[in-house]
N, C-alpha and C. Protein backbone atom coordinates (compact mmCIF):
# COMPACT_ATOMS: atom_id res chain seq x y z
N MET A 1 0.83 -1.21 0.00
CA MET A 1 0.00 0.00 0.00
C MET A 1 0.86 1.27 0.00
N GLN A 2 1.94 1.26 0.84
CA GLN A 2 2.85 2.41 0.87
C GLN A 2 3.49 2.61 -0.49
N ALA A 3 3.90 1.51 -1.12
CA ALA A 3 4.57 1.60 -2.42
C ALA A 3 3.67 2.28 -3.44
N PHE A 4 2.41 1.86 -3.50
CA PHE A 4 1.48 2.43 -4.48
C PHE A 4 1.20 3.90 -4.18
N GLY A 5 0.85 4.19 -2.91
CA GLY A 5 0.48 5.55 -2.55
C GLY A 5 1.62 6.53 -2.71
N GLU A 6 2.81 6.16 -2.23
CA GLU A 6 3.95 7.06 -2.31
C GLU A 6 4.41 7.25 -3.75
N THR A 7 4.41 6.17 -4.52
CA THR A 7 4.82 6.27 -5.92
C THR A 7 3.87 7.15 -6.71
N LEU A 8 2.57 6.99 -6.49
CA LEU A 8 1.58 7.82 -7.18
C LEU A 8 1.78 9.28 -6.82
N PHE A 9 1.98 9.56 -5.55
CA PHE A 9 2.20 10.94 -5.09
C PHE A 9 3.44 11.53 -5.76
N ASP A 10 4.53 10.77 -5.80
CA ASP A 10 5.78 11.26 -6.38
C ASP A 10 5.64 11.52 -7.88
N VAL A 11 4.95 10.63 -8.58
CA VAL A 11 4.77 10.81 -10.02
C VAL A 11 3.96 12.07 -10.31
N VAL A 12 2.87 12.24 -9.57
CA VAL A 12 2.02 13.43 -9.76
C VAL A 12 2.83 14.70 -9.47
N TYR A 13 3.60 14.67 -8.39
CA TYR A 13 4.42 15.82 -8.02
C TYR A 13 5.44 16.16 -9.09
N LEU A 14 6.21 15.18 -9.54
CA LEU A 14 7.26 15.43 -10.53
C LEU A 14 6.68 15.92 -11.85
N VAL A 15 5.63 15.27 -12.32
CA VAL A 15 5.01 15.68 -13.58
C VAL A 15 4.46 17.10 -13.46
N LEU A 16 3.83 17.39 -12.32
CA LEU A 16 3.22 18.71 -12.13
C LEU A 16 4.26 19.83 -12.13
N VAL A 17 5.30 19.71 -11.29
CA VAL A 17 6.24 20.83 -11.17
C VAL A 17 7.07 21.01 -12.45
N ILE A 18 7.44 19.90 -13.08
CA ILE A 18 8.22 20.02 -14.32
C ILE A 18 7.36 20.60 -15.44
N THR A 19 6.12 20.15 -15.54
CA THR A 19 5.21 20.67 -16.58
C THR A 19 4.93 22.15 -16.37
N VAL A 20 4.64 22.53 -15.13
CA VAL A 20 4.38 23.94 -14.84
C VAL A 20 5.64 24.77 -15.12
N GLY A 21 6.80 24.24 -14.76
CA GLY A 21 8.05 24.95 -15.02
C GLY A 21 8.28 25.19 -16.50
N ILE A 22 8.07 24.16 -17.30
CA ILE A 22 8.24 24.30 -18.76
C ILE A 22 7.26 25.31 -19.32
N LYS A 23 6.01 25.27 -18.84
CA LYS A 23 5.00 26.22 -19.31
C LYS A 23 5.40 27.65 -18.96
N MET A 24 5.95 27.84 -17.78
CA MET A 24 6.36 29.18 -17.38
C MET A 24 7.51 29.69 -18.23
N ILE A 25 8.46 28.80 -18.54
CA ILE A 25 9.58 29.20 -19.41
C ILE A 25 9.06 29.61 -20.79
N ARG A 26 8.15 28.82 -21.33
CA ARG A 26 7.63 29.07 -22.68
C ARG A 26 6.69 30.26 -22.74
N GLN A 27 5.96 30.51 -21.66
CA GLN A 27 4.93 31.55 -21.68
C GLN A 27 5.35 32.82 -20.96
N SER A 28 6.61 32.91 -20.55
CA SER A 28 7.07 34.07 -19.78
C SER A 28 7.10 35.36 -20.61
N LYS A 29 7.15 35.23 -21.92
CA LYS A 29 7.10 36.38 -22.83
C LYS A 29 8.15 37.45 -22.49
N GLY A 30 9.34 36.99 -22.21
CA GLY A 30 10.43 37.92 -21.96
C GLY A 30 10.49 38.47 -20.55
N ASP A 31 9.52 38.09 -19.70
CA ASP A 31 9.54 38.54 -18.32
C ASP A 31 10.53 37.67 -17.54
N ARG A 32 11.63 38.27 -17.14
CA ARG A 32 12.74 37.49 -16.57
C ARG A 32 12.35 36.80 -15.27
N GLN A 33 11.52 37.42 -14.45
CA GLN A 33 11.19 36.80 -13.17
C GLN A 33 10.42 35.49 -13.37
N TYR A 34 9.54 35.45 -14.37
CA TYR A 34 8.77 34.22 -14.59
C TYR A 34 9.58 33.17 -15.34
N ARG A 35 10.50 33.61 -16.19
CA ARG A 35 11.40 32.65 -16.82
C ARG A 35 12.30 32.00 -15.77
N LEU A 36 12.81 32.82 -14.86
CA LEU A 36 13.61 32.28 -13.76
C LEU A 36 12.78 31.33 -12.89
N PHE A 37 11.54 31.70 -12.65
CA PHE A 37 10.66 30.86 -11.84
C PHE A 37 10.44 29.51 -12.52
N GLY A 38 10.28 29.54 -13.85
CA GLY A 38 10.11 28.30 -14.60
C GLY A 38 11.35 27.43 -14.52
N ILE A 39 12.53 28.04 -14.69
CA ILE A 39 13.78 27.30 -14.58
C ILE A 39 13.92 26.72 -13.17
N MET A 40 13.51 27.49 -12.19
CA MET A 40 13.55 27.06 -10.80
C MET A 40 12.68 25.83 -10.59
N ALA A 41 11.46 25.84 -11.15
CA ALA A 41 10.54 24.71 -11.00
C ALA A 41 11.08 23.45 -11.69
N VAL A 42 11.65 23.62 -12.87
CA VAL A 42 12.22 22.47 -13.59
C VAL A 42 13.42 21.92 -12.82
N THR A 43 14.24 22.81 -12.27
CA THR A 43 15.38 22.38 -11.45
C THR A 43 14.91 21.59 -10.25
N LEU A 44 13.85 22.07 -9.60
CA LEU A 44 13.28 21.38 -8.45
C LEU A 44 12.82 19.97 -8.82
N GLY A 45 12.02 19.88 -9.89
CA GLY A 45 11.48 18.58 -10.29
C GLY A 45 12.54 17.61 -10.77
N CYS A 46 13.43 18.08 -11.63
CA CYS A 46 14.48 17.19 -12.16
C CYS A 46 15.43 16.75 -11.06
N GLY A 47 15.77 17.67 -10.16
CA GLY A 47 16.66 17.31 -9.06
C GLY A 47 16.04 16.28 -8.14
N ASP A 48 14.78 16.49 -7.77
CA ASP A 48 14.09 15.54 -6.89
C ASP A 48 13.91 14.18 -7.56
N ALA A 49 13.81 14.18 -8.88
CA ALA A 49 13.63 12.91 -9.60
C ALA A 49 14.80 11.95 -9.36
N PHE A 50 16.00 12.48 -9.18
CA PHE A 50 17.17 11.63 -8.95
C PHE A 50 17.04 10.82 -7.66
N HIS A 51 16.26 11.35 -6.72
CA HIS A 51 16.03 10.61 -5.47
C HIS A 51 14.70 9.86 -5.49
N LEU A 52 13.66 10.49 -6.02
CA LEU A 52 12.32 9.90 -5.94
C LEU A 52 12.12 8.72 -6.89
N VAL A 53 12.74 8.77 -8.07
CA VAL A 53 12.58 7.66 -9.01
C VAL A 53 13.22 6.38 -8.48
N PRO A 54 14.48 6.42 -8.01
CA PRO A 54 15.05 5.21 -7.39
C PRO A 54 14.25 4.75 -6.16
N ARG A 55 13.71 5.70 -5.40
CA ARG A 55 12.94 5.34 -4.22
C ARG A 55 11.65 4.60 -4.62
N ALA A 56 10.98 5.13 -5.64
CA ALA A 56 9.75 4.48 -6.11
C ALA A 56 10.06 3.08 -6.64
N TYR A 57 11.15 2.97 -7.38
CA TYR A 57 11.54 1.66 -7.93
C TYR A 57 11.85 0.68 -6.80
N ALA A 58 12.55 1.17 -5.79
CA ALA A 58 12.90 0.31 -4.65
C ALA A 58 11.65 -0.15 -3.91
N LEU A 59 10.72 0.76 -3.67
CA LEU A 59 9.50 0.41 -2.96
C LEU A 59 8.67 -0.61 -3.72
N CYS A 60 8.71 -0.52 -5.04
CA CYS A 60 7.89 -1.40 -5.87
C CYS A 60 8.59 -2.72 -6.20
N THR A 61 9.83 -2.88 -5.77
CA THR A 61 10.55 -4.12 -6.06
C THR A 61 10.99 -4.81 -4.77
N THR A 62 12.27 -4.73 -4.45
CA THR A 62 12.79 -5.53 -3.32
C THR A 62 13.00 -4.74 -2.03
N GLY A 63 12.64 -3.45 -2.02
CA GLY A 63 12.75 -2.68 -0.79
C GLY A 63 13.89 -1.68 -0.77
N LEU A 64 13.74 -0.67 0.07
CA LEU A 64 14.70 0.43 0.14
C LEU A 64 16.10 -0.03 0.54
N GLU A 65 16.16 -1.04 1.41
CA GLU A 65 17.46 -1.48 1.92
C GLU A 65 18.37 -2.04 0.85
N ASN A 66 17.80 -2.44 -0.29
CA ASN A 66 18.60 -3.00 -1.39
C ASN A 66 19.06 -1.95 -2.40
N TYR A 67 18.71 -0.71 -2.16
CA TYR A 67 19.07 0.36 -3.10
C TYR A 67 19.70 1.54 -2.36
N THR A 68 20.43 1.24 -1.32
CA THR A 68 21.03 2.29 -0.49
C THR A 68 21.93 3.22 -1.29
N ALA A 69 22.78 2.67 -2.14
CA ALA A 69 23.72 3.49 -2.90
C ALA A 69 23.00 4.40 -3.88
N ALA A 70 22.04 3.85 -4.62
CA ALA A 70 21.29 4.66 -5.60
C ALA A 70 20.50 5.77 -4.91
N LEU A 71 19.90 5.44 -3.78
CA LEU A 71 19.14 6.43 -3.04
C LEU A 71 20.06 7.52 -2.46
N GLY A 72 21.25 7.11 -2.02
CA GLY A 72 22.20 8.07 -1.47
C GLY A 72 22.71 9.03 -2.53
N ILE A 73 23.03 8.50 -3.70
CA ILE A 73 23.49 9.35 -4.80
C ILE A 73 22.39 10.32 -5.22
N GLY A 74 21.16 9.81 -5.28
CA GLY A 74 20.02 10.66 -5.60
C GLY A 74 19.83 11.76 -4.57
N LYS A 75 20.01 11.41 -3.32
CA LYS A 75 19.89 12.40 -2.24
C LYS A 75 20.98 13.47 -2.35
N PHE A 76 22.18 13.04 -2.72
CA PHE A 76 23.29 13.98 -2.91
C PHE A 76 22.97 14.97 -4.03
N ILE A 77 22.49 14.46 -5.17
CA ILE A 77 22.16 15.33 -6.31
C ILE A 77 21.03 16.29 -5.94
N THR A 78 20.03 15.77 -5.24
CA THR A 78 18.92 16.61 -4.81
C THR A 78 19.39 17.72 -3.88
N SER A 79 20.35 17.42 -3.02
CA SER A 79 20.89 18.43 -2.11
C SER A 79 21.52 19.59 -2.89
N ILE A 80 22.20 19.27 -3.98
CA ILE A 80 22.83 20.31 -4.80
C ILE A 80 21.77 21.11 -5.55
N THR A 81 20.82 20.42 -6.17
CA THR A 81 19.81 21.12 -6.97
C THR A 81 18.90 21.98 -6.10
N MET A 82 18.65 21.56 -4.86
CA MET A 82 17.83 22.38 -3.97
C MET A 82 18.57 23.67 -3.60
N THR A 83 19.89 23.60 -3.52
CA THR A 83 20.67 24.81 -3.26
C THR A 83 20.56 25.77 -4.43
N VAL A 84 20.64 25.23 -5.65
CA VAL A 84 20.47 26.05 -6.86
C VAL A 84 19.06 26.64 -6.89
N PHE A 85 18.07 25.86 -6.46
CA PHE A 85 16.68 26.32 -6.39
C PHE A 85 16.58 27.62 -5.60
N TYR A 86 17.25 27.68 -4.46
CA TYR A 86 17.15 28.87 -3.62
C TYR A 86 17.93 30.05 -4.18
N ILE A 87 19.00 29.77 -4.90
CA ILE A 87 19.71 30.87 -5.58
C ILE A 87 18.80 31.48 -6.64
N LEU A 88 18.11 30.64 -7.41
CA LEU A 88 17.18 31.12 -8.44
C LEU A 88 16.02 31.89 -7.80
N LEU A 89 15.53 31.39 -6.67
CA LEU A 89 14.43 32.08 -5.98
C LEU A 89 14.89 33.46 -5.50
N TYR A 90 16.13 33.54 -5.08
CA TYR A 90 16.68 34.85 -4.68
C TYR A 90 16.65 35.82 -5.86
N TYR A 91 16.98 35.34 -7.05
CA TYR A 91 16.96 36.22 -8.22
C TYR A 91 15.54 36.52 -8.69
N VAL A 92 14.61 35.64 -8.41
CA VAL A 92 13.19 35.96 -8.64
C VAL A 92 12.82 37.17 -7.79
N TRP A 93 13.25 37.15 -6.52
CA TRP A 93 12.99 38.28 -5.62
C TRP A 93 13.59 39.57 -6.17
N ARG A 94 14.83 39.50 -6.62
CA ARG A 94 15.49 40.71 -7.14
C ARG A 94 14.75 41.26 -8.36
N ASN A 95 14.32 40.36 -9.24
CA ASN A 95 13.63 40.80 -10.46
C ASN A 95 12.22 41.29 -10.18
N ARG A 96 11.51 40.60 -9.31
CA ARG A 96 10.12 40.98 -9.05
C ARG A 96 10.04 42.36 -8.40
N TYR A 97 10.94 42.62 -7.47
CA TYR A 97 10.86 43.88 -6.73
C TYR A 97 11.89 44.90 -7.22
N LYS A 98 12.50 44.60 -8.39
CA LYS A 98 13.43 45.53 -9.04
C LYS A 98 14.51 46.02 -8.07
N ILE A 99 15.16 45.05 -7.46
CA ILE A 99 16.20 45.33 -6.46
C ILE A 99 17.52 45.66 -7.16
N GLU A 100 18.10 46.75 -6.78
CA GLU A 100 19.42 47.15 -7.30
C GLU A 100 20.43 47.12 -6.15
N GLY A 101 21.66 46.82 -6.47
CA GLY A 101 22.70 46.80 -5.44
C GLY A 101 22.52 45.63 -4.48
N LYS A 102 22.55 45.93 -3.18
CA LYS A 102 22.40 44.90 -2.13
C LYS A 102 23.48 43.82 -2.27
N LYS A 103 24.70 44.25 -2.55
CA LYS A 103 25.78 43.28 -2.78
C LYS A 103 26.03 42.39 -1.57
N GLU A 104 25.82 42.95 -0.38
CA GLU A 104 26.09 42.18 0.83
C GLU A 104 25.13 40.98 0.94
N ILE A 105 23.88 41.17 0.48
CA ILE A 105 22.92 40.06 0.51
C ILE A 105 23.31 39.01 -0.52
N THR A 106 23.69 39.46 -1.70
CA THR A 106 24.11 38.53 -2.75
C THR A 106 25.32 37.72 -2.30
N ILE A 107 26.27 38.37 -1.66
CA ILE A 107 27.45 37.67 -1.15
C ILE A 107 27.03 36.63 -0.12
N ALA A 108 26.12 37.00 0.78
CA ALA A 108 25.66 36.07 1.81
C ALA A 108 24.98 34.86 1.19
N VAL A 109 24.15 35.10 0.17
CA VAL A 109 23.45 34.00 -0.51
C VAL A 109 24.45 33.04 -1.14
N TYR A 110 25.41 33.58 -1.89
CA TYR A 110 26.39 32.73 -2.56
C TYR A 110 27.33 32.05 -1.57
N LEU A 111 27.65 32.74 -0.50
CA LEU A 111 28.52 32.16 0.52
C LEU A 111 27.86 30.94 1.17
N MET A 112 26.58 31.08 1.55
CA MET A 112 25.85 29.97 2.17
C MET A 112 25.65 28.82 1.18
N ALA A 113 25.36 29.17 -0.07
CA ALA A 113 25.17 28.15 -1.09
C ALA A 113 26.47 27.39 -1.35
N ALA A 114 27.57 28.11 -1.45
CA ALA A 114 28.87 27.48 -1.69
C ALA A 114 29.27 26.59 -0.52
N LEU A 115 29.05 27.09 0.70
CA LEU A 115 29.38 26.31 1.89
C LEU A 115 28.56 25.04 1.95
N ARG A 116 27.29 25.16 1.62
CA ARG A 116 26.40 23.98 1.60
C ARG A 116 26.92 22.93 0.59
N ILE A 117 27.24 23.38 -0.61
CA ILE A 117 27.70 22.45 -1.65
C ILE A 117 29.03 21.82 -1.27
N ILE A 118 29.94 22.63 -0.74
CA ILE A 118 31.25 22.11 -0.32
C ILE A 118 31.07 21.04 0.76
N LEU A 119 30.22 21.30 1.74
CA LEU A 119 29.98 20.33 2.80
C LEU A 119 29.35 19.04 2.25
N CYS A 120 28.51 19.18 1.23
CA CYS A 120 27.90 18.00 0.61
C CYS A 120 28.93 17.12 -0.09
N LEU A 121 30.04 17.73 -0.51
CA LEU A 121 31.07 17.00 -1.26
C LEU A 121 32.02 16.19 -0.36
N PHE A 122 32.01 16.46 0.93
CA PHE A 122 32.91 15.74 1.83
C PHE A 122 32.55 14.25 1.90
N PRO A 123 33.55 13.38 1.82
CA PRO A 123 33.28 11.93 1.88
C PRO A 123 32.67 11.49 3.21
N GLN A 124 32.84 12.31 4.24
CA GLN A 124 32.29 11.96 5.56
C GLN A 124 30.76 11.89 5.55
N ASN A 125 30.14 12.46 4.52
CA ASN A 125 28.68 12.37 4.42
C ASN A 125 28.21 10.92 4.21
N ALA A 126 29.09 10.11 3.63
CA ALA A 126 28.79 8.68 3.41
C ALA A 126 27.43 8.51 2.74
N TRP A 127 27.24 9.19 1.63
CA TRP A 127 25.95 9.18 0.95
C TRP A 127 25.47 7.78 0.58
N THR A 128 26.39 6.91 0.20
CA THR A 128 26.00 5.59 -0.31
C THR A 128 25.92 4.52 0.76
N ARG A 129 26.04 4.91 2.03
CA ARG A 129 25.98 3.94 3.12
C ARG A 129 24.68 4.08 3.91
N ALA A 130 24.25 2.98 4.46
CA ALA A 130 23.01 2.98 5.25
C ALA A 130 23.22 3.64 6.60
N ASP A 131 24.48 3.66 7.09
CA ASP A 131 24.77 4.21 8.41
C ASP A 131 25.44 5.59 8.31
N ALA A 132 24.98 6.41 7.37
CA ALA A 132 25.53 7.75 7.20
C ALA A 132 25.39 8.53 8.51
N PRO A 133 26.45 9.24 8.94
CA PRO A 133 26.41 9.93 10.23
C PRO A 133 25.43 11.09 10.27
N LEU A 134 24.67 11.17 11.35
CA LEU A 134 23.73 12.27 11.54
C LEU A 134 24.45 13.61 11.62
N SER A 135 25.64 13.62 12.22
CA SER A 135 26.37 14.87 12.42
C SER A 135 26.59 15.61 11.10
N TRP A 136 26.95 14.86 10.03
CA TRP A 136 27.18 15.51 8.75
C TRP A 136 25.89 15.94 8.08
N GLY A 137 24.81 15.24 8.39
CA GLY A 137 23.50 15.69 7.92
C GLY A 137 23.16 17.05 8.52
N ILE A 138 23.57 17.26 9.76
CA ILE A 138 23.34 18.55 10.42
C ILE A 138 24.28 19.62 9.87
N TYR A 139 25.57 19.27 9.73
CA TYR A 139 26.55 20.25 9.25
C TYR A 139 26.14 20.85 7.91
N ARG A 140 25.80 19.99 6.96
CA ARG A 140 25.52 20.47 5.61
C ARG A 140 24.21 21.24 5.53
N ASN A 141 23.34 21.03 6.51
CA ASN A 141 22.04 21.72 6.47
C ASN A 141 22.03 23.04 7.23
N ILE A 142 23.09 23.33 7.98
CA ILE A 142 23.16 24.62 8.67
C ILE A 142 23.22 25.78 7.67
N PRO A 143 24.17 25.79 6.72
CA PRO A 143 24.18 26.90 5.74
C PRO A 143 22.94 26.89 4.85
N PHE A 144 22.38 25.70 4.60
CA PHE A 144 21.16 25.60 3.80
C PHE A 144 20.00 26.29 4.52
N ALA A 145 19.90 26.07 5.83
CA ALA A 145 18.84 26.70 6.62
C ALA A 145 19.02 28.22 6.68
N ILE A 146 20.28 28.66 6.77
CA ILE A 146 20.55 30.11 6.78
C ILE A 146 20.17 30.72 5.44
N LEU A 147 20.49 30.02 4.35
CA LEU A 147 20.10 30.47 3.01
C LEU A 147 18.59 30.59 2.91
N GLY A 148 17.89 29.57 3.41
CA GLY A 148 16.43 29.62 3.40
C GLY A 148 15.89 30.77 4.22
N LEU A 149 16.50 31.01 5.39
CA LEU A 149 16.06 32.10 6.26
C LEU A 149 16.24 33.46 5.58
N ILE A 150 17.34 33.63 4.87
CA ILE A 150 17.57 34.88 4.13
C ILE A 150 16.45 35.12 3.13
N VAL A 151 16.11 34.09 2.36
CA VAL A 151 15.05 34.21 1.34
C VAL A 151 13.69 34.44 1.98
N ILE A 152 13.43 33.79 3.10
CA ILE A 152 12.17 34.00 3.83
C ILE A 152 12.01 35.46 4.21
N VAL A 153 13.04 36.01 4.84
CA VAL A 153 12.99 37.41 5.30
C VAL A 153 12.82 38.36 4.12
N LEU A 154 13.53 38.12 3.03
CA LEU A 154 13.46 39.00 1.85
C LEU A 154 12.06 39.03 1.28
N PHE A 155 11.45 37.86 1.10
CA PHE A 155 10.10 37.83 0.52
C PHE A 155 9.06 38.38 1.48
N TYR A 156 9.23 38.10 2.75
CA TYR A 156 8.26 38.62 3.74
C TYR A 156 8.26 40.14 3.74
N ARG A 157 9.44 40.73 3.82
CA ARG A 157 9.54 42.19 3.88
C ARG A 157 9.08 42.85 2.59
N SER A 158 9.52 42.30 1.46
CA SER A 158 9.21 42.94 0.18
C SER A 158 7.73 42.81 -0.18
N ALA A 159 7.14 41.65 0.07
CA ALA A 159 5.72 41.46 -0.23
C ALA A 159 4.87 42.40 0.63
N LYS A 160 5.28 42.57 1.89
CA LYS A 160 4.56 43.47 2.79
C LYS A 160 4.74 44.93 2.36
N GLU A 161 5.96 45.30 2.03
CA GLU A 161 6.25 46.68 1.64
C GLU A 161 5.53 47.07 0.36
N HIS A 162 5.48 46.15 -0.61
CA HIS A 162 4.86 46.44 -1.91
C HIS A 162 3.39 46.05 -1.97
N LYS A 163 2.86 45.56 -0.84
CA LYS A 163 1.47 45.08 -0.80
C LYS A 163 1.21 44.11 -1.96
N ASP A 164 2.12 43.18 -2.09
CA ASP A 164 2.10 42.20 -3.18
C ASP A 164 1.23 41.00 -2.78
N ARG A 165 -0.04 41.04 -3.15
CA ARG A 165 -0.97 39.98 -2.76
C ARG A 165 -0.62 38.64 -3.41
N ASP A 166 -0.10 38.67 -4.63
CA ASP A 166 0.21 37.43 -5.33
C ASP A 166 1.31 36.64 -4.63
N PHE A 167 2.28 37.36 -4.07
CA PHE A 167 3.41 36.68 -3.42
C PHE A 167 3.37 36.82 -1.89
N ARG A 168 2.22 37.15 -1.34
CA ARG A 168 2.17 37.44 0.09
C ARG A 168 2.45 36.21 0.96
N TRP A 169 2.24 35.00 0.40
CA TRP A 169 2.49 33.79 1.18
C TRP A 169 3.76 33.06 0.77
N MET A 170 4.54 33.66 -0.10
CA MET A 170 5.76 32.99 -0.55
C MET A 170 6.67 32.64 0.63
N TRP A 171 6.82 33.59 1.55
CA TRP A 171 7.68 33.35 2.72
C TRP A 171 7.19 32.16 3.54
N LEU A 172 5.85 32.02 3.63
CA LEU A 172 5.27 30.94 4.44
C LEU A 172 5.54 29.58 3.81
N THR A 173 5.51 29.49 2.49
CA THR A 173 5.78 28.20 1.84
C THR A 173 7.18 27.71 2.17
N ILE A 174 8.13 28.65 2.25
CA ILE A 174 9.51 28.27 2.56
C ILE A 174 9.64 27.89 4.04
N VAL A 175 8.96 28.65 4.91
CA VAL A 175 8.95 28.31 6.34
C VAL A 175 8.42 26.89 6.53
N LEU A 176 7.31 26.57 5.87
CA LEU A 176 6.71 25.24 6.01
C LEU A 176 7.64 24.16 5.48
N SER A 177 8.27 24.42 4.34
CA SER A 177 9.16 23.41 3.76
C SER A 177 10.29 23.07 4.71
N PHE A 178 10.88 24.09 5.33
CA PHE A 178 11.96 23.84 6.30
C PHE A 178 11.41 23.25 7.59
N GLY A 179 10.22 23.69 7.99
CA GLY A 179 9.61 23.17 9.20
C GLY A 179 9.35 21.68 9.14
N PHE A 180 9.00 21.19 7.96
CA PHE A 180 8.77 19.76 7.78
C PHE A 180 10.07 19.00 7.51
N TYR A 181 11.05 19.69 6.92
CA TYR A 181 12.30 19.04 6.52
C TYR A 181 13.25 18.81 7.70
N ILE A 182 13.37 19.79 8.59
CA ILE A 182 14.32 19.70 9.69
C ILE A 182 14.09 18.48 10.59
N PRO A 183 12.84 18.17 11.00
CA PRO A 183 12.65 16.96 11.81
C PRO A 183 13.07 15.68 11.09
N VAL A 184 12.92 15.66 9.76
CA VAL A 184 13.34 14.49 8.99
C VAL A 184 14.85 14.31 9.08
N VAL A 185 15.59 15.41 8.95
CA VAL A 185 17.05 15.36 9.06
C VAL A 185 17.47 14.84 10.43
N LEU A 186 16.79 15.31 11.47
CA LEU A 186 17.20 15.01 12.84
C LEU A 186 16.76 13.63 13.33
N TRP A 187 15.56 13.20 12.95
CA TRP A 187 15.00 12.02 13.61
C TRP A 187 14.51 10.89 12.69
N ALA A 188 14.57 11.07 11.38
CA ALA A 188 14.01 10.04 10.49
C ALA A 188 14.72 8.70 10.62
N ASP A 189 16.03 8.73 10.90
CA ASP A 189 16.77 7.46 11.00
C ASP A 189 16.37 6.66 12.24
N THR A 190 16.03 7.36 13.32
CA THR A 190 15.65 6.66 14.56
C THR A 190 14.15 6.46 14.68
N VAL A 191 13.38 7.36 14.08
CA VAL A 191 11.91 7.24 14.08
C VAL A 191 11.44 7.31 12.63
N PRO A 192 11.41 6.19 11.91
CA PRO A 192 11.09 6.19 10.48
C PRO A 192 9.80 6.91 10.11
N ALA A 193 8.82 6.90 11.01
CA ALA A 193 7.53 7.55 10.71
C ALA A 193 7.70 9.04 10.45
N VAL A 194 8.75 9.64 11.02
CA VAL A 194 9.00 11.07 10.82
C VAL A 194 9.25 11.36 9.34
N GLY A 195 9.74 10.36 8.61
CA GLY A 195 9.99 10.53 7.18
C GLY A 195 8.76 10.92 6.39
N MET A 196 7.57 10.65 6.94
CA MET A 196 6.32 11.01 6.27
C MET A 196 6.16 12.52 6.14
N LEU A 197 6.92 13.27 6.93
CA LEU A 197 6.85 14.73 6.83
C LEU A 197 7.37 15.24 5.49
N MET A 198 8.04 14.38 4.75
CA MET A 198 8.50 14.79 3.42
C MET A 198 7.33 15.03 2.47
N ILE A 199 6.18 14.45 2.77
CA ILE A 199 5.00 14.66 1.92
C ILE A 199 4.48 16.09 2.06
N PRO A 200 4.18 16.58 3.29
CA PRO A 200 3.78 17.99 3.36
C PRO A 200 4.89 18.96 2.96
N LYS A 201 6.16 18.56 3.16
CA LYS A 201 7.27 19.40 2.70
C LYS A 201 7.22 19.55 1.18
N THR A 202 6.95 18.46 0.49
CA THR A 202 6.83 18.49 -0.96
C THR A 202 5.63 19.35 -1.38
N CYS A 203 4.54 19.24 -0.65
CA CYS A 203 3.35 20.05 -0.95
C CYS A 203 3.66 21.54 -0.80
N ALA A 204 4.51 21.89 0.17
CA ALA A 204 4.90 23.29 0.35
C ALA A 204 5.66 23.80 -0.87
N TYR A 205 6.50 22.95 -1.45
CA TYR A 205 7.22 23.35 -2.66
C TYR A 205 6.28 23.48 -3.86
N VAL A 206 5.28 22.61 -3.93
CA VAL A 206 4.28 22.74 -5.00
C VAL A 206 3.56 24.08 -4.85
N TRP A 207 3.24 24.45 -3.62
CA TRP A 207 2.60 25.75 -3.36
C TRP A 207 3.50 26.89 -3.83
N THR A 208 4.80 26.78 -3.56
CA THR A 208 5.75 27.79 -4.02
C THR A 208 5.67 27.97 -5.54
N VAL A 209 5.72 26.85 -6.25
CA VAL A 209 5.68 26.88 -7.71
C VAL A 209 4.37 27.45 -8.22
N MET A 210 3.26 27.05 -7.59
CA MET A 210 1.95 27.50 -8.06
C MET A 210 1.72 28.98 -7.80
N ILE A 211 2.34 29.53 -6.77
CA ILE A 211 2.25 30.98 -6.54
C ILE A 211 2.81 31.73 -7.74
N GLY A 212 3.99 31.30 -8.20
CA GLY A 212 4.60 31.94 -9.36
C GLY A 212 3.78 31.75 -10.62
N TYR A 213 3.26 30.54 -10.81
CA TYR A 213 2.48 30.23 -12.02
C TYR A 213 1.18 31.05 -12.06
N GLN A 214 0.49 31.12 -10.93
CA GLN A 214 -0.76 31.87 -10.88
C GLN A 214 -0.51 33.36 -11.09
N ALA A 215 0.59 33.87 -10.55
CA ALA A 215 0.92 35.29 -10.75
C ALA A 215 1.20 35.56 -12.22
N MET A 216 1.89 34.65 -12.90
CA MET A 216 2.17 34.83 -14.32
C MET A 216 0.88 34.81 -15.13
N ARG A 217 -0.01 33.88 -14.81
CA ARG A 217 -1.29 33.81 -15.54
C ARG A 217 -2.10 35.08 -15.36
N LYS A 218 -2.03 35.64 -14.17
CA LYS A 218 -2.78 36.88 -13.90
C LYS A 218 -2.27 38.04 -14.76
N THR A 219 -0.95 38.13 -14.91
CA THR A 219 -0.39 39.22 -15.70
C THR A 219 -0.65 39.04 -17.19
N ALA A 220 -0.94 37.79 -17.60
CA ALA A 220 -1.17 37.51 -19.02
C ALA A 220 -2.61 37.81 -19.44
N ARG A 221 -3.48 38.02 -18.48
CA ARG A 221 -4.89 38.27 -18.81
C ARG A 221 -5.10 39.65 -19.39
């Protein structure tokens, strides 16, 4: 039952975000913020596919324990693409609110992203092992959480300042995604049921993508 339900959910999610992303790229009509949003959505879907496709295959065949290496590699790739996702979202913010300068924020974004990626590259992460250390899961997610916090604050302040109703909940989608993700990092290995939080976390990302898509459709009317 888990195999069917989770696989169906993952397929719907991947098809939805990639399709919406491609539509946004094609229909952006030269509007850079929506083209970036489309690239961001495709990056999200394609990156997650490296982890979700092997997971679905494992669930539908001989079980997750027999695909540890494939799942670990997929998780590693997803970690990198999610970092790129937030860099793109940062540039969506800059384009939407016509931000000039702010070099210190850009430096902070790239610094946290680079630190996250560098930490992901360390062999101590043991991506392909079943007994990967929790400590490195925490280390690599500290700069990722700071990157997310920066983007949360930027969207919250700018949407409020510009009375931007279309993007007024963008900050909340990111808060929810991290709120569901952090317990998984900390406790999923010892309490497997906590892993189910990845479902609402994924839904939060779908909400993020749909906010951008609906805003683009509104401007096209």
